[in-house]
Amino acid sequence: MRNSLIHSLNMKNIRRFTLIALAVVTIPFVAFKYDDRYFEIAKNLDIFATMFKELNAYYVDEINPNKAMRLSIESMLKQLDPYTNFYPEDDIEDYMTMTTGKYNGIGATVSHRDNKHVVMMIYESSPADKAGMKIGDEIIKVDGVDVVARKGVDIGRLMKGQTGTTVKMSVKRFGQNSPIDLVVGRDIVKTPNVPNSGMINDEVGYIQLNDFAATAAKEVKGAFAELKGQGMKKVILDLRGNPGGLLNMSVEICNAFLAKDQLIVETRGKVAEWNHKYLAMEAPLDTEIPIVVLINSQSASASEIVSGTLQIMIVQ
């Protein structure tokens, strides 16, 4: 057993040396094609593929190719900026939720706190609401899976699923001695971009914007019109914790408070044909009302566009 273990460890060291040697051997070829960017790309992709083949063939432990490639891609993107992201096929539903504000699930938001999976929000008329789930419920089991005992379980994925299917859940509720079993149907759940709006006092209105999904501008305009009908003369737009979303939604929201044909934002990149200037294309809702925009360290992307544009344009 000891000899076998030493052999395995030695093999690790040999393979590591071989992989490094492969990279070193190919470096002299750079001089011949230094200005050829595509040659550089092809050469490094070949090094990467060769390295993985060597690891797969000789490394002492089994290598998960999906995990290895995912980590490689994520490490590469970390060298760029926080807004360049990769969505593999199994995460495409999360991307669709972000862009459309809809997903197939039960309509409950769960947070992991103090080693507990606690229901923090339930959308009105959602399957979770109809099944009797309450805010503050601690989820213990999902379809027989003990989410308390298992570490690192993605409870959100367990609750999501195709419309028409059901999920069996056990929850611990405050004041109840025994767990409560619930059978919750799955359906298309629409998450609101504007979960809260109202009048703070007789003159000041408040609009909370959590996302920039496909209906964000419509919801902000609707809330604004409703509050203005209640006598609103000043407005607070709360973008704290808003991670952003669709660029065109940020443009439409800015358009609500800026004069028509005014430049809102401009995008520039390596491909010149993709550069674009976004103007206010419609008549605004109100260009005179005082606006306070609330942001924090989690306000990003489209939130930065709205807050920055309104700050610059309105101050001018």
Protein backbone atom coordinates (compact mmCIF):
# COMPACT_ATOMS: atom_id res chain seq x y z
CA MET A 1 0.00 0.00 0.00
CA ARG A 2 2.78 2.42 0.91
CA ASN A 3 4.67 1.67 -2.32
CA SER A 4 1.49 2.22 -4.31
CA LEU A 5 0.94 5.58 -2.61
CA ILE A 6 4.53 6.69 -3.29
CA HIS A 7 4.16 5.66 -6.91
CA SER A 8 1.00 7.76 -7.23
CA LEU A 9 2.64 10.79 -5.68
CA ASN A 10 5.66 10.44 -7.91
CA MET A 11 3.42 10.18 -10.93
CA LYS A 12 1.81 13.48 -9.92
CA ASN A 13 5.20 15.17 -9.86
CA ILE A 14 6.24 13.63 -13.19
CA ARG A 15 3.04 14.77 -14.88
CA ARG A 16 3.39 18.28 -13.50
CA PHE A 17 6.91 18.49 -14.87
CA THR A 18 5.77 17.15 -18.25
CA LEU A 19 2.99 19.72 -18.52
CA ILE A 20 5.34 22.57 -17.77
CA ALA A 21 7.82 21.20 -20.29
CA LEU A 22 5.14 21.12 -22.99
CA ALA A 23 4.42 24.81 -22.44
CA VAL A 24 8.08 25.71 -22.46
CA VAL A 25 8.85 23.77 -25.62
CA THR A 26 6.21 25.65 -27.62
CA ILE A 27 7.28 29.14 -26.54
CA PRO A 28 10.09 29.58 -29.15
CA PHE A 29 7.52 29.40 -31.94
CA VAL A 30 6.04 32.71 -30.78
CA ALA A 31 8.81 34.66 -32.51
CA PHE A 32 7.78 33.42 -35.94
CA LYS A 33 4.19 34.62 -35.69
CA TYR A 34 4.26 37.28 -32.99
CA ASP A 35 2.02 39.71 -34.90
CA ASP A 36 -0.46 37.05 -35.92
CA ARG A 37 -3.11 37.21 -33.18
CA TYR A 38 -5.01 34.20 -34.50
CA PHE A 39 -1.85 32.13 -34.46
CA GLU A 40 -1.35 33.09 -30.81
CA ILE A 41 -4.93 32.08 -30.00
CA ALA A 42 -4.64 28.75 -31.82
CA LYS A 43 -1.28 27.99 -30.23
CA ASN A 44 -2.52 28.61 -26.69
CA LEU A 45 -5.71 26.65 -27.26
CA ASP A 46 -3.54 23.75 -28.42
CA ILE A 47 -1.42 24.03 -25.26
CA PHE A 48 -4.57 24.03 -23.14
CA ALA A 49 -6.05 21.00 -24.93
CA THR A 50 -2.76 19.09 -24.67
CA MET A 51 -2.49 19.88 -20.98
CA PHE A 52 -6.01 18.60 -20.29
CA LYS A 53 -5.39 15.42 -22.29
CA GLU A 54 -2.24 14.76 -20.25
CA LEU A 55 -4.06 15.36 -16.98
CA ASN A 56 -6.97 13.17 -18.02
CA ALA A 57 -4.64 10.34 -19.06
CA TYR A 58 -2.08 10.34 -16.26
CA TYR A 59 -3.21 12.35 -13.22
CA VAL A 60 -3.62 10.11 -10.19
CA ASP A 61 -7.17 11.29 -9.39
CA GLU A 62 -10.21 11.34 -11.66
CA ILE A 63 -10.80 14.75 -13.26
CA ASN A 64 -14.32 16.06 -13.85
CA PRO A 65 -14.12 17.69 -17.31
CA ASN A 66 -17.19 19.89 -16.82
CA LYS A 67 -15.92 21.24 -13.50
CA ALA A 68 -12.37 21.73 -14.84
CA MET A 69 -13.57 23.67 -17.89
CA ARG A 70 -16.01 25.74 -15.85
CA LEU A 71 -13.26 26.75 -13.41
CA SER A 72 -10.92 27.55 -16.30
CA ILE A 73 -13.48 29.82 -17.93
CA GLU A 74 -14.36 31.55 -14.66
CA SER A 75 -10.67 32.14 -13.88
CA MET A 76 -10.17 33.68 -17.31
CA LEU A 77 -13.18 36.00 -16.91
CA LYS A 78 -11.97 37.13 -13.47
CA GLN A 79 -9.09 38.87 -15.26
CA LEU A 80 -11.59 41.13 -17.07
CA ASP A 81 -14.41 42.90 -15.22
CA PRO A 82 -17.36 41.92 -12.97
CA TYR A 83 -19.90 42.27 -15.81
CA THR A 84 -18.50 39.73 -18.29
CA ASN A 85 -20.20 36.48 -17.32
CA PHE A 86 -20.53 32.93 -18.62
CA TYR A 87 -23.86 31.07 -18.47
CA PRO A 88 -23.57 27.32 -19.20
CA GLU A 89 -26.61 25.46 -20.44
CA ASP A 90 -27.66 24.31 -16.97
CA ASP A 91 -27.74 27.94 -15.76
CA ILE A 92 -29.70 29.33 -18.70
CA GLU A 93 -32.88 29.46 -16.60
CA ASP A 94 -31.18 31.89 -14.20
CA TYR A 95 -30.26 34.09 -17.17
CA MET A 96 -33.83 34.04 -18.48
CA THR A 97 -35.11 34.97 -15.04
CA MET A 98 -32.76 37.94 -14.94
CA THR A 99 -33.80 39.23 -18.39
CA THR A 100 -37.53 38.44 -18.40
CA GLY A 101 -38.40 38.52 -14.70
CA LYS A 102 -40.13 35.12 -15.06
CA TYR A 103 -39.20 31.60 -14.02
CA ASN A 104 -40.79 28.22 -13.41
CA GLY A 105 -40.97 27.65 -9.68
CA ILE A 106 -43.04 28.19 -6.54
CA GLY A 107 -42.69 31.96 -6.04
CA ALA A 108 -40.72 32.08 -2.80
CA THR A 109 -37.37 33.67 -2.02
CA VAL A 110 -35.21 31.68 0.38
CA SER A 111 -32.13 32.97 2.20
CA HIS A 112 -29.43 30.93 3.96
CA ARG A 113 -28.91 32.41 7.41
CA ASP A 114 -27.37 30.86 10.52
CA ASN A 115 -27.21 27.48 8.73
CA LYS A 116 -30.96 27.65 8.08
CA HIS A 117 -32.91 27.97 4.82
CA VAL A 118 -35.48 30.63 5.71
CA VAL A 119 -38.33 31.92 3.51
CA MET A 120 -37.78 35.68 3.21
CA MET A 121 -40.43 36.61 0.64
CA ILE A 122 -43.52 35.08 -0.94
CA TYR A 123 -45.00 36.59 -4.08
CA GLU A 124 -48.71 37.31 -3.90
CA SER A 125 -50.93 34.67 -5.55
CA SER A 126 -47.88 32.47 -6.26
CA PRO A 127 -48.01 28.67 -5.79
CA ALA A 128 -46.17 29.05 -2.46
CA ASP A 129 -48.74 31.60 -1.31
CA LYS A 130 -51.65 29.37 -2.34
CA ALA A 131 -50.09 26.33 -0.62
CA GLY A 132 -49.93 28.16 2.72
CA MET A 133 -46.20 28.81 2.98
CA LYS A 134 -45.33 31.69 5.32
CA ILE A 135 -42.47 34.17 5.59
CA GLY A 136 -40.14 32.91 8.32
CA ASP A 137 -40.71 29.21 7.58
CA GLU A 138 -37.50 27.19 7.82
CA ILE A 139 -37.24 24.66 4.99
CA ILE A 140 -36.08 21.26 6.24
CA LYS A 141 -36.68 18.92 3.31
CA VAL A 142 -37.35 19.31 -0.42
CA ASP A 143 -38.65 16.20 -2.17
CA GLY A 144 -37.14 14.07 0.58
CA VAL A 145 -33.74 15.75 0.44
CA ASP A 146 -32.64 16.87 3.90
CA VAL A 147 -31.33 20.39 3.15
CA VAL A 148 -30.28 20.90 6.78
CA ALA A 149 -27.87 17.98 6.88
CA ARG A 150 -26.47 18.42 3.37
CA LYS A 151 -23.94 21.20 2.99
CA GLY A 152 -23.76 23.35 -0.13
CA VAL A 153 -27.12 22.24 -1.52
CA ASP A 154 -28.68 24.71 -3.98
CA ILE A 155 -32.19 24.88 -2.61
CA GLY A 156 -33.30 27.24 -5.38
CA ARG A 157 -32.65 24.56 -8.01
CA LEU A 158 -34.57 22.00 -5.98
CA MET A 159 -37.65 24.23 -5.85
CA LYS A 160 -37.60 25.21 -9.53
CA GLY A 161 -39.09 22.95 -12.17
CA GLN A 162 -41.49 22.63 -15.06
CA THR A 163 -44.97 24.12 -14.87
CA GLY A 164 -47.52 21.55 -13.72
CA THR A 165 -45.14 19.56 -11.54
CA THR A 166 -45.18 19.60 -7.75
CA VAL A 167 -42.58 19.70 -5.02
CA LYS A 168 -43.01 18.23 -1.53
CA MET A 169 -41.59 20.37 1.26
CA SER A 170 -41.23 20.05 5.02
CA VAL A 171 -41.00 23.31 6.94
CA LYS A 172 -40.48 24.23 10.56
CA ARG A 173 -42.76 27.09 11.59
CA PHE A 174 -42.44 29.30 14.64
CA GLY A 175 -44.84 28.19 17.37
CA GLN A 176 -45.34 24.72 15.88
CA ASN A 177 -43.85 21.68 17.60
CA SER A 178 -43.83 19.41 14.55
CA PRO A 179 -42.73 20.08 10.95
CA ILE A 180 -45.45 20.97 8.45
CA ASP A 181 -45.63 19.09 5.14
CA LEU A 182 -46.63 21.10 2.07
CA VAL A 183 -47.21 20.07 -1.53
CA VAL A 184 -46.52 23.09 -3.72
CA GLY A 185 -47.31 23.22 -7.43
CA ARG A 186 -44.87 24.82 -9.83
CA ASP A 187 -45.96 27.51 -12.27
CA ILE A 188 -44.63 30.51 -14.18
CA VAL A 189 -43.76 33.08 -11.52
CA LYS A 190 -43.46 36.75 -12.38
CA THR A 191 -41.04 38.57 -10.10
CA PRO A 192 -41.88 42.29 -9.85
CA ASN A 193 -39.18 44.82 -10.69
CA VAL A 194 -40.94 47.34 -8.42
CA PRO A 195 -41.90 45.41 -5.27
CA ASN A 196 -42.67 48.53 -3.22
CA SER A 197 -43.93 52.03 -3.91
CA GLY A 198 -45.96 54.55 -1.95
CA MET A 199 -46.13 57.96 -0.31
CA ILE A 200 -43.71 58.66 2.55
CA ASN A 201 -45.60 61.84 3.44
CA ASP A 202 -47.97 64.25 1.69
CA GLU A 203 -45.33 65.31 -0.87
CA VAL A 204 -42.61 62.65 -1.12
CA GLY A 205 -43.11 59.45 -3.07
CA TYR A 206 -40.97 56.30 -2.91
CA ILE A 207 -40.25 53.76 -5.68
CA GLN A 208 -38.09 50.69 -5.05
CA LEU A 209 -36.58 49.16 -8.20
CA ASN A 210 -34.95 45.75 -7.64
CA ASP A 211 -34.19 44.67 -11.22
CA PHE A 212 -34.00 45.87 -14.80
CA ALA A 213 -35.92 43.02 -16.43
CA ALA A 214 -38.17 43.38 -19.47
CA THR A 215 -41.00 45.26 -17.70
CA ALA A 216 -38.90 47.47 -15.38
CA ALA A 217 -39.57 50.76 -17.21
CA LYS A 218 -43.30 50.06 -17.46
CA GLU A 219 -43.51 49.33 -13.73
CA VAL A 220 -41.54 52.45 -12.77
CA LYS A 221 -43.69 54.64 -15.01
CA GLY A 222 -46.85 53.07 -13.62
CA ALA A 223 -45.78 53.60 -10.02
CA PHE A 224 -44.72 57.18 -10.80
CA ALA A 225 -48.07 58.03 -12.41
CA GLU A 226 -50.00 56.49 -9.51
CA LEU A 227 -48.01 58.41 -6.89
CA LYS A 228 -48.27 61.64 -8.82
CA GLY A 229 -52.02 61.18 -8.81
CA GLN A 230 -51.79 61.04 -5.01
CA GLY A 231 -50.14 64.46 -4.89
CA MET A 232 -46.45 63.51 -5.12
CA LYS A 233 -44.17 66.53 -5.64
CA LYS A 234 -40.80 64.85 -4.93
CA VAL A 235 -39.66 61.28 -5.55
CA ILE A 236 -37.10 58.84 -4.13
CA LEU A 237 -35.88 56.14 -6.54
CA ASP A 238 -34.33 53.32 -4.52
CA LEU A 239 -31.71 51.31 -6.46
CA ARG A 240 -29.91 49.86 -3.45
CA GLY A 241 -28.95 46.25 -4.06
CA ASN A 242 -30.09 46.41 -7.69
CA PRO A 243 -27.53 44.40 -9.74
CA GLY A 244 -28.74 45.76 -13.09
CA GLY A 245 -30.14 43.99 -16.12
CA LEU A 246 -31.26 45.14 -19.56
CA LEU A 247 -29.60 48.26 -20.96
CA ASN A 248 -32.72 49.43 -22.81
CA MET A 249 -34.67 49.44 -19.54
CA SER A 250 -32.19 51.87 -17.97
CA VAL A 251 -32.53 54.10 -21.05
CA GLU A 252 -36.33 54.10 -20.87
CA ILE A 253 -36.32 54.92 -17.16
CA CYS A 254 -33.92 57.83 -17.71
CA ASN A 255 -36.13 58.97 -20.63
CA ALA A 256 -39.01 59.40 -18.16
CA PHE A 257 -37.16 62.31 -16.54
CA LEU A 258 -35.11 63.76 -19.41
CA ALA A 259 -36.08 65.86 -22.43
CA LYS A 260 -36.59 64.10 -25.76
CA ASP A 261 -33.46 63.64 -27.96
CA GLN A 262 -31.13 64.09 -24.99
CA LEU A 263 -28.13 61.72 -24.92
CA ILE A 264 -28.50 59.20 -22.10
CA VAL A 265 -25.62 56.76 -22.53
CA GLU A 266 -23.11 55.68 -25.15
CA THR A 267 -21.58 52.24 -25.57
CA ARG A 268 -18.15 51.66 -27.08
CA GLY A 269 -16.21 48.48 -27.73
CA LYS A 270 -13.64 46.78 -29.93
CA VAL A 271 -16.15 46.26 -32.77
CA ALA A 272 -16.90 49.75 -34.08
CA GLU A 273 -20.21 48.67 -35.61
CA TRP A 274 -21.51 47.88 -32.13
CA ASN A 275 -20.86 51.39 -30.80
CA HIS A 276 -24.14 53.14 -30.17
CA LYS A 277 -25.57 56.33 -28.73
CA TYR A 278 -28.82 55.95 -26.80
CA LEU A 279 -31.07 59.02 -26.87
CA ALA A 280 -34.33 59.85 -25.12
CA MET A 281 -36.77 58.83 -27.84
CA GLU A 282 -40.08 59.68 -26.14
CA ALA A 283 -41.66 62.63 -24.37
CA PRO A 284 -40.73 62.54 -20.64
CA LEU A 285 -43.16 62.05 -17.78
CA ASP A 286 -41.71 64.92 -15.76
CA THR A 287 -38.51 66.96 -16.11
CA GLU A 288 -39.09 69.27 -13.15
CA ILE A 289 -39.77 66.99 -10.21
CA PRO A 290 -36.88 66.73 -7.69
CA ILE A 291 -35.41 63.20 -7.63
CA VAL A 292 -33.24 61.47 -5.04
CA VAL A 293 -31.58 58.23 -6.20
CA LEU A 294 -30.43 55.82 -3.50
CA ILE A 295 -27.55 53.44 -4.30
CA ASN A 296 -25.04 51.28 -2.41
CA SER A 297 -22.09 49.02 -3.16
CA GLN A 298 -24.43 46.40 -4.68
CA SER A 299 -25.96 48.84 -7.19
CA ALA A 300 -24.34 47.93 -10.51
CA SER A 301 -24.60 48.03 -14.29
CA ALA A 302 -27.97 49.54 -15.31
CA SER A 303 -28.32 51.03 -11.80
CA GLU A 304 -25.08 52.95 -12.38
CA ILE A 305 -26.35 54.21 -15.73
CA VAL A 306 -29.59 55.54 -14.24
CA SER A 307 -28.02 57.10 -11.16
CA GLY A 308 -25.08 58.59 -13.08
CA THR A 309 -27.17 59.93 -15.97
CA LEU A 310 -29.81 61.53 -13.76
CA GLN A 311 -27.12 63.04 -11.53
CA ILE A 312 -25.28 64.62 -14.46
CA MET A 313 -28.22 65.69 -16.59
CA ILE A 314 -30.49 67.03 -13.85
CA VAL A 315 -27.68 68.93 -12.11
CA GLN A 316 -26.78 70.59 -15.43
